[in-house]
Amino acid sequence: MGLWNSIRYYNTVKYLQIKSKKLACLKWSIHGIIFISICVILFWKKEYQENSHLVSSVTAKVKGVAVTNDSELEIVLWDVVDHSSLSQGKDSFFVVTNAVVTKNQTQGNCLEGPDSGTICSSNEDCTKEYTNQKSNGDPTGQCVEFNSSVKTCEVFAWCPIEGMRNASKPAVLESAENFTVFIKNNIGFINFNYTKRNILPDMNETYLKQCMFNRKTDPYCPIFRLGNIVQEAGENFTEMAVKGGVIAIQINWECDLDWLLHKCVPEYSFRRLDEKNDKKTLFPGFSFRFARYYKQNGVEERTLFKVYGIRFDVMVTGKAGKFSLIKLITYIGSTLAYFGMTIIVVDFLLANYVHPSCCKKEVKSYYTGKKYETVEYQLEMRDVSNREGQDCESSP
């Protein structure tokens, strides 16, 4: 019978209407705060938009020429092939700022220093099959005199062995701060079938030949001076050039693809990635080795370069948003429940808070009596009635 009644009838919630201007003002004030908060979040965080993350590709072209003139390098011209074609990686480029040079190396037997070779006292200490990880070559098995007090194992290697020299200070290519780099960045938002690049539509060839990135006067120019990049990262180029380091060039795309508010331009920022403090890390900076080979009098020789420099990593992030009716309806539906907080607040004040200016004790008691119905007593009376009826049926 109960199931049949639940099918035939529609049940709804019973509400109490309280005629009180103060409670009405409180109710609409809470509604207003909730409504304003929902609207602020809706437009500030653009909850009405569908979002898409980007895919990106980056190419970089460095330009600049420097001349070094010191005791090691003498007068040497460094162009793009010399200082920027090395150690190129995906979305990154490298620029040489300092170098330690070992000239006229030829293959043969030579001595190693105590730091890189094996100190020995006799030939038995120099095993041919054993290769020391610090060694610059293959041991010959001979223990020879390094100086009057130390003997080391002889090796077959490129001789003379690279010396344990520190990087020059100031850096030999300190003028590299005036080099420029042209960064081309192509992005795409797959969900919206939208593509863009950091060379904006209003940029022509004449503009690109003379522009230079400046955060205040020209924030969208894709050509950067290396010294300015390092300065924007909060570093000093002269100091960083001695041992090198790693700088991040961050390109952020926050695109609004709606017709009225359309905006999709890059924002550039810069920061240093590696630890520069010698006390916090071993071997700070960035360096590697390469060699230039040549033949002299029919003998192959080489010049060994240990170069220090700055590696620039280009990191592209961002997302795009576009109006979506489904997203808007979903957001509105999910926020309607917040209006139920008004009932909770007002009911709590009526049931628990007594104040002459708002809720008097008599009002609280009357409201409580109307809103809450005690059912335990009614159940107890029903049980008594049932027992009396059973007694009546059992009596003769």
Protein backbone atom coordinates (compact mmCIF):
# COMPACT_ATOMS: atom_id res chain seq x y z
CA MET A 1 0.00 0.00 0.00
CA GLY A 2 2.87 2.38 0.86
CA LEU A 3 4.54 1.79 -2.50
CA TRP A 4 1.26 2.43 -4.33
CA ASN A 5 0.78 5.74 -2.49
CA SER A 6 4.33 6.83 -3.28
CA ILE A 7 3.61 6.23 -6.97
CA ARG A 8 0.25 8.02 -7.02
CA TYR A 9 1.26 11.11 -5.08
CA TYR A 10 3.97 13.75 -5.37
CA ASN A 11 5.67 14.74 -2.14
CA THR A 12 7.52 18.04 -1.65
CA VAL A 13 9.36 19.81 1.14
CA LYS A 14 7.42 21.99 3.57
CA TYR A 15 8.81 25.50 4.06
CA LEU A 16 8.14 28.02 6.79
CA GLN A 17 7.66 31.66 5.79
CA ILE A 18 8.95 33.99 8.48
CA LYS A 19 7.88 37.62 8.17
CA SER A 20 11.04 39.37 9.34
CA LYS A 21 12.79 42.24 7.59
CA LYS A 22 16.04 41.53 9.43
CA LEU A 23 16.10 37.88 8.40
CA ALA A 24 15.13 38.83 4.84
CA CYS A 25 18.03 41.31 4.68
CA LEU A 26 20.38 38.67 6.04
CA LYS A 27 19.17 36.15 3.48
CA TRP A 28 19.60 38.47 0.50
CA SER A 29 22.94 39.72 1.77
CA ILE A 30 24.29 36.15 1.86
CA HIS A 31 22.75 35.48 -1.57
CA GLY A 32 24.44 38.62 -2.90
CA ILE A 33 27.86 37.67 -1.53
CA ILE A 34 27.57 34.17 -3.04
CA PHE A 35 26.37 35.54 -6.39
CA ILE A 36 29.19 38.11 -6.61
CA SER A 37 31.78 35.46 -5.68
CA ILE A 38 30.48 33.10 -8.36
CA CYS A 39 30.57 35.86 -11.00
CA VAL A 40 34.08 36.98 -10.02
CA ILE A 41 35.42 33.42 -10.31
CA LEU A 42 33.48 32.89 -13.54
CA PHE A 43 35.09 35.86 -15.31
CA TRP A 44 38.44 36.01 -13.50
CA LYS A 45 39.32 32.35 -14.01
CA LYS A 46 37.27 32.16 -17.22
CA GLU A 47 35.33 29.11 -16.12
CA TYR A 48 33.12 29.52 -19.17
CA GLN A 49 35.98 28.50 -21.48
CA GLU A 50 37.20 25.15 -22.74
CA ASN A 51 41.00 24.92 -22.48
CA SER A 52 43.67 23.39 -24.68
CA HIS A 53 47.41 22.96 -24.02
CA LEU A 54 49.95 23.76 -26.71
CA VAL A 55 52.51 21.93 -28.81
CA SER A 56 55.63 23.86 -29.71
CA SER A 57 58.84 23.95 -31.75
CA VAL A 58 61.82 26.30 -31.28
CA THR A 59 64.78 27.30 -33.44
CA ALA A 60 67.53 29.76 -32.49
CA LYS A 61 70.10 31.62 -34.60
CA VAL A 62 73.03 33.33 -32.85
CA LYS A 63 74.97 36.18 -34.47
CA GLY A 64 78.18 37.85 -33.34
CA VAL A 65 81.96 37.97 -33.86
CA ALA A 66 84.66 38.22 -31.19
CA VAL A 67 88.46 38.44 -31.24
CA THR A 68 90.62 36.99 -28.48
CA ASN A 69 94.19 38.07 -27.82
CA ASP A 70 95.96 36.43 -24.88
CA SER A 71 99.02 34.29 -24.18
CA GLU A 72 97.18 31.03 -24.90
CA LEU A 73 94.91 31.83 -27.83
CA GLU A 74 96.93 34.70 -29.30
CA ILE A 75 94.88 36.58 -31.91
CA VAL A 76 91.95 34.35 -32.84
CA LEU A 77 88.70 35.30 -34.53
CA TRP A 78 85.59 33.56 -33.17
CA ASP A 79 82.58 33.65 -35.45
CA VAL A 80 79.22 31.84 -35.20
CA VAL A 81 80.70 28.51 -36.31
CA ASP A 82 83.31 28.68 -33.55
CA HIS A 83 81.30 29.90 -30.58
CA SER A 84 77.73 28.74 -31.19
CA SER A 85 77.66 25.63 -33.37
CA LEU A 86 78.78 23.41 -30.49
CA SER A 87 76.59 21.38 -28.14
CA GLN A 88 73.33 22.38 -29.78
CA GLY A 89 70.38 20.48 -28.34
CA LYS A 90 66.63 20.41 -28.73
CA ASP A 91 65.17 23.79 -27.76
CA SER A 92 68.58 25.01 -26.55
CA PHE A 93 71.76 26.69 -27.80
CA PHE A 94 75.26 27.21 -26.39
CA VAL A 95 77.64 30.17 -26.57
CA VAL A 96 81.35 29.94 -25.68
CA THR A 97 82.53 32.58 -23.19
CA ASN A 98 85.89 31.22 -21.98
CA ALA A 99 88.49 28.63 -23.01
CA VAL A 100 91.58 26.77 -21.82
CA VAL A 101 93.78 25.66 -24.76
CA THR A 102 96.39 22.89 -25.09
CA LYS A 103 98.27 23.31 -28.38
CA ASN A 104 100.23 20.98 -30.67
CA GLN A 105 99.19 17.64 -29.21
CA THR A 106 100.47 14.50 -30.95
CA GLN A 107 99.95 10.84 -30.12
CA GLY A 108 102.79 9.23 -28.19
CA ASN A 109 104.13 8.23 -24.77
CA CYS A 110 104.11 10.95 -22.14
CA LEU A 111 103.92 11.62 -18.42
CA GLU A 112 100.84 12.38 -16.41
CA GLY A 113 100.67 14.55 -13.34
CA PRO A 114 100.08 13.07 -9.87
CA ASP A 115 96.49 14.34 -9.92
CA SER A 116 95.38 12.58 -13.09
CA GLY A 117 97.83 9.68 -13.26
CA THR A 118 98.90 6.91 -10.89
CA ILE A 119 101.77 7.57 -8.52
CA CYS A 120 104.20 4.66 -8.61
CA SER A 121 107.52 3.50 -7.22
CA SER A 122 108.35 0.75 -9.76
CA ASN A 123 107.07 -0.77 -13.01
CA GLU A 124 105.07 -3.32 -11.01
CA ASP A 125 102.76 -0.51 -9.91
CA CYS A 126 101.84 0.31 -13.52
CA THR A 127 99.64 -2.45 -14.90
CA LYS A 128 99.06 -2.35 -18.64
CA GLU A 129 95.57 -3.80 -18.48
CA TYR A 130 94.45 -1.38 -15.77
CA THR A 131 92.91 1.91 -16.89
CA ASN A 132 92.57 4.68 -14.35
CA GLN A 133 89.36 6.67 -14.85
CA LYS A 134 91.29 9.88 -14.22
CA SER A 135 93.96 8.97 -16.75
CA ASN A 136 94.31 10.74 -20.10
CA GLY A 137 95.57 7.65 -21.94
CA ASP A 138 96.49 3.96 -21.93
CA PRO A 139 99.23 2.87 -19.45
CA THR A 140 102.45 1.58 -21.04
CA GLY A 141 103.57 -0.28 -17.90
CA GLN A 142 106.56 2.03 -17.29
CA CYS A 143 107.09 3.97 -14.07
CA VAL A 144 108.98 7.14 -14.93
CA GLU A 145 110.16 10.16 -13.03
CA PHE A 146 107.71 13.07 -13.06
CA ASN A 147 109.99 15.30 -10.98
CA SER A 148 112.73 14.87 -8.40
CA SER A 149 110.29 13.65 -5.74
CA VAL A 150 107.43 11.89 -7.60
CA LYS A 151 107.16 9.09 -10.16
CA THR A 152 104.04 8.40 -12.23
CA CYS A 153 102.92 5.78 -14.74
CA GLU A 154 103.64 6.57 -18.37
CA VAL A 155 100.67 6.57 -20.77
CA PHE A 156 100.09 6.44 -24.49
CA ALA A 157 97.98 9.54 -25.16
CA TRP A 158 97.76 12.90 -26.89
CA CYS A 159 100.88 14.69 -25.64
CA PRO A 160 101.47 17.05 -23.97
CA ILE A 161 98.72 16.17 -21.46
CA GLU A 162 96.15 18.86 -20.71
CA GLY A 163 97.33 20.84 -17.69
CA MET A 164 95.23 21.44 -14.58
CA ARG A 165 94.64 25.10 -15.33
CA ASN A 166 91.82 27.26 -14.07
CA ALA A 167 89.55 29.23 -16.35
CA SER A 168 90.84 32.65 -17.37
CA LYS A 169 89.55 35.62 -15.44
CA PRO A 170 88.28 37.79 -17.02
CA ALA A 171 86.83 35.47 -19.65
CA VAL A 172 88.53 35.49 -23.04
CA LEU A 173 85.18 35.92 -24.83
CA GLU A 174 83.71 38.44 -22.41
CA SER A 175 82.50 40.45 -25.41
CA ALA A 176 80.00 37.66 -26.15
CA GLU A 177 77.48 39.67 -24.12
CA ASN A 178 76.97 41.75 -27.28
CA PHE A 179 76.01 38.70 -29.38
CA THR A 180 72.35 38.45 -30.38
CA VAL A 181 70.02 35.50 -30.78
CA PHE A 182 66.94 35.31 -32.99
CA ILE A 183 64.41 32.88 -31.46
CA LYS A 184 61.61 31.52 -33.64
CA ASN A 185 58.79 29.77 -31.80
CA ASN A 186 55.86 28.08 -33.52
CA ILE A 187 52.93 26.88 -31.40
CA GLY A 188 49.64 25.12 -32.00
CA PHE A 189 46.49 24.37 -30.00
CA ILE A 190 45.25 21.08 -31.39
CA ASN A 191 41.76 21.18 -29.87
CA PHE A 192 41.01 24.50 -31.58
CA ASN A 193 43.01 23.92 -34.79
CA TYR A 194 44.86 27.19 -34.08
CA THR A 195 48.51 28.00 -34.86
CA LYS A 196 50.64 31.03 -34.06
CA ARG A 197 54.29 32.09 -33.96
CA ASN A 198 56.21 34.68 -31.98
CA ILE A 199 56.89 36.67 -35.16
CA LEU A 200 53.61 38.57 -34.97
CA PRO A 201 51.63 39.57 -38.10
CA ASP A 202 52.58 43.27 -37.85
CA MET A 203 56.33 42.49 -37.83
CA ASN A 204 58.01 42.94 -41.23
CA GLU A 205 61.60 42.42 -42.39
CA THR A 206 62.56 46.05 -41.77
CA TYR A 207 61.33 45.89 -38.18
CA LEU A 208 63.18 42.63 -37.46
CA LYS A 209 66.47 44.06 -38.74
CA GLN A 210 66.46 46.87 -36.20
CA CYS A 211 64.41 45.71 -33.19
CA MET A 212 65.86 44.45 -29.91
CA PHE A 213 63.89 42.94 -27.03
CA ASN A 214 63.19 45.39 -24.23
CA ARG A 215 60.61 44.62 -21.57
CA LYS A 216 59.35 48.20 -21.45
CA THR A 217 59.71 49.54 -24.98
CA ASP A 218 59.62 46.44 -27.22
CA PRO A 219 58.38 43.36 -25.27
CA TYR A 220 57.50 41.25 -28.35
CA CYS A 221 60.70 41.53 -30.42
CA PRO A 222 62.10 37.97 -30.91
CA ILE A 223 65.74 39.18 -31.08
CA PHE A 224 67.66 39.25 -27.79
CA ARG A 225 71.06 40.56 -26.71
CA LEU A 226 72.79 37.90 -24.59
CA GLY A 227 73.95 40.43 -22.01
CA ASN A 228 70.36 41.62 -21.55
CA ILE A 229 69.11 38.04 -21.12
CA VAL A 230 71.62 37.38 -18.35
CA GLN A 231 70.80 40.72 -16.73
CA GLU A 232 67.06 39.94 -16.85
CA ALA A 233 67.86 36.67 -15.05
CA GLY A 234 69.45 38.69 -12.24
CA GLU A 235 73.06 37.76 -13.07
CA ASN A 236 76.25 39.57 -14.07
CA PHE A 237 77.51 38.49 -17.50
CA THR A 238 81.19 39.26 -16.73
CA GLU A 239 81.12 36.97 -13.67
CA MET A 240 79.04 34.24 -15.30
CA ALA A 241 81.25 34.13 -18.42
CA VAL A 242 84.26 32.85 -16.44
CA LYS A 243 82.86 29.35 -15.71
CA GLY A 244 79.59 29.44 -17.61
CA GLY A 245 76.13 28.35 -16.52
CA VAL A 246 72.58 27.58 -17.64
CA ILE A 247 69.92 30.22 -18.34
CA ALA A 248 66.25 29.51 -19.01
CA ILE A 249 64.39 31.60 -21.60
CA GLN A 250 60.72 31.07 -20.77
CA ILE A 251 58.05 31.83 -23.37
CA ASN A 252 54.53 31.76 -21.97
CA TRP A 253 51.42 31.84 -24.15
CA GLU A 254 48.15 32.65 -22.35
CA CYS A 255 45.68 32.91 -25.21
CA ASP A 256 42.05 34.00 -25.18
CA LEU A 257 40.54 32.87 -28.48
CA ASP A 258 37.08 34.39 -27.98
CA TRP A 259 36.08 36.75 -30.76
CA LEU A 260 35.63 39.90 -28.65
CA LEU A 261 38.54 39.36 -26.21
CA HIS A 262 40.98 37.74 -28.65
CA LYS A 263 44.56 37.88 -27.39
CA CYS A 264 47.46 35.55 -28.15
CA VAL A 265 50.94 37.03 -27.71
CA PRO A 266 54.11 35.63 -26.07
CA GLU A 267 55.44 36.76 -22.70
CA TYR A 268 59.18 36.34 -22.10
CA SER A 269 60.92 35.78 -18.76
CA PHE A 270 64.42 34.65 -17.80
CA ARG A 271 66.07 32.91 -14.84
CA ARG A 272 69.24 31.00 -13.99
CA LEU A 273 68.87 27.23 -13.59
CA ASP A 274 72.23 26.02 -12.28
CA GLU A 275 73.75 26.63 -8.84
CA LYS A 276 76.55 29.20 -9.04
CA ASN A 277 77.81 29.03 -5.46
CA ASP A 278 81.04 27.01 -5.09
CA LYS A 279 80.20 26.25 -1.45
CA LYS A 280 76.87 24.63 -2.34
CA THR A 281 77.88 22.51 -5.33
CA LEU A 282 80.93 20.83 -6.85
CA PHE A 283 82.15 21.92 -10.28
CA PRO A 284 79.80 24.89 -10.82
CA GLY A 285 79.28 26.30 -14.29
CA PHE A 286 79.08 24.59 -17.69
CA SER A 287 82.02 23.27 -19.76
CA PHE A 288 83.09 20.58 -22.23
CA ARG A 289 86.00 19.76 -24.54
CA PHE A 290 86.52 19.59 -28.28
CA ALA A 291 89.54 19.50 -30.60
CA ARG A 292 90.63 20.90 -33.96
CA TYR A 293 92.77 18.46 -35.97
CA TYR A 294 95.36 19.23 -38.60
CA LYS A 295 98.53 17.74 -40.14
CA GLN A 296 101.98 19.26 -39.84
CA ASN A 297 104.94 17.68 -41.66
CA GLY A 298 102.77 14.61 -42.29
CA VAL A 299 102.03 14.14 -38.56
CA GLU A 300 98.49 14.47 -37.26
CA GLU A 301 98.24 17.07 -34.54
CA ARG A 302 95.44 18.75 -32.70
CA THR A 303 94.60 21.75 -30.52
CA LEU A 304 92.49 20.81 -27.49
CA PHE A 305 89.92 23.30 -26.22
CA LYS A 306 88.22 23.11 -22.85
CA VAL A 307 85.46 25.67 -23.34
CA TYR A 308 83.22 27.28 -20.78
CA GLY A 309 80.01 28.93 -21.80
CA ILE A 310 76.34 29.61 -21.23
CA ARG A 311 73.69 27.17 -22.33
CA PHE A 312 70.33 28.78 -23.00
CA ASP A 313 67.31 26.48 -22.64
CA VAL A 314 64.12 27.75 -24.30
CA MET A 315 61.04 26.58 -22.38
CA VAL A 316 57.59 27.12 -23.87
CA THR A 317 54.43 26.88 -21.75
CA GLY A 318 50.86 28.10 -21.98
CA LYS A 319 47.25 27.29 -22.76
CA ALA A 320 44.35 28.67 -24.75
CA GLY A 321 40.72 29.15 -23.81
CA LYS A 322 37.58 29.44 -25.92
CA PHE A 323 33.91 29.90 -24.98
CA SER A 324 31.98 26.67 -24.43
CA LEU A 325 28.26 26.57 -23.62
CA ILE A 326 28.64 23.16 -21.99
CA LYS A 327 31.40 24.46 -19.68
CA LEU A 328 29.24 27.46 -18.73
CA ILE A 329 26.19 25.34 -17.93
CA THR A 330 28.30 22.87 -15.95
CA TYR A 331 29.85 25.67 -13.90
CA ILE A 332 26.50 27.33 -13.16
CA GLY A 333 24.97 23.99 -12.16
CA SER A 334 27.86 23.16 -9.85
CA THR A 335 27.61 26.53 -8.06
CA LEU A 336 23.85 26.56 -7.40
CA ALA A 337 24.37 24.40 -4.32
CA TYR A 338 26.23 27.30 -2.65
CA PHE A 339 22.93 29.17 -2.26
CA GLY A 340 21.84 26.43 0.16
CA MET A 341 24.35 27.86 2.62
CA THR A 342 21.86 30.69 3.29
CA ILE A 343 19.34 28.28 4.84
CA ILE A 344 22.05 26.70 7.00
CA VAL A 345 23.24 30.09 8.32
CA VAL A 346 19.76 31.51 9.02
CA ASP A 347 18.52 28.29 10.64
CA PHE A 348 21.60 28.17 12.84
CA LEU A 349 21.05 31.75 14.02
CA LEU A 350 17.36 31.18 14.72
CA ALA A 351 17.93 27.96 16.60
CA ASN A 352 21.05 28.88 18.59
CA TYR A 353 21.56 32.64 18.75
CA VAL A 354 19.46 34.87 21.02
CA HIS A 355 19.81 38.66 20.77
CA PRO A 356 17.19 41.39 21.42
CA SER A 357 17.97 43.18 18.15
CA CYS A 358 17.70 40.07 16.02
CA CYS A 359 16.18 36.95 17.53
CA LYS A 360 14.29 37.15 20.81
CA LYS A 361 13.89 34.12 23.03
CA GLU A 362 10.15 33.92 22.33
CA VAL A 363 10.80 34.01 18.57
CA LYS A 364 13.40 31.27 18.87
CA SER A 365 11.02 29.02 20.84
CA TYR A 366 8.14 29.65 18.48
CA TYR A 367 10.30 29.00 15.39
CA THR A 368 11.73 25.83 16.90
CA GLY A 369 8.26 24.57 17.71
CA LYS A 370 7.03 25.16 14.18
CA LYS A 371 10.08 23.76 12.40
CA TYR A 372 10.78 20.68 14.49
CA GLU A 373 8.16 18.06 15.36
CA THR A 374 8.79 15.53 18.10
CA VAL A 375 7.78 12.06 16.92
CA GLU A 376 8.91 9.88 19.82
CA TYR A 377 5.78 10.71 21.89
CA GLN A 378 3.44 9.95 18.98
CA LEU A 379 5.10 6.60 18.42
CA GLU A 380 4.74 5.80 22.13
CA MET A 381 0.97 6.66 22.09
CA ARG A 382 0.51 4.54 18.97
CA ASP A 383 2.12 1.58 20.73
CA VAL A 384 -0.23 2.08 23.73
CA SER A 385 -3.28 2.21 21.44
CA ASN A 386 -2.21 -0.96 19.67
CA ARG A 387 -1.82 -2.79 22.99
CA GLU A 388 -5.25 -1.63 24.17
CA GLY A 389 -6.82 -2.84 20.91
CA GLN A 390 -5.20 -6.24 21.29
CA ASP A 391 -6.51 -6.49 24.86
CA CYS A 392 -10.01 -5.67 23.74
CA GLU A 393 -9.93 -8.36 21.04
CA SER A 394 -8.71 -11.01 23.50
CA SER A 395 -11.37 -10.25 26.17
CA PRO A 396 -14.58 -12.42 26.04
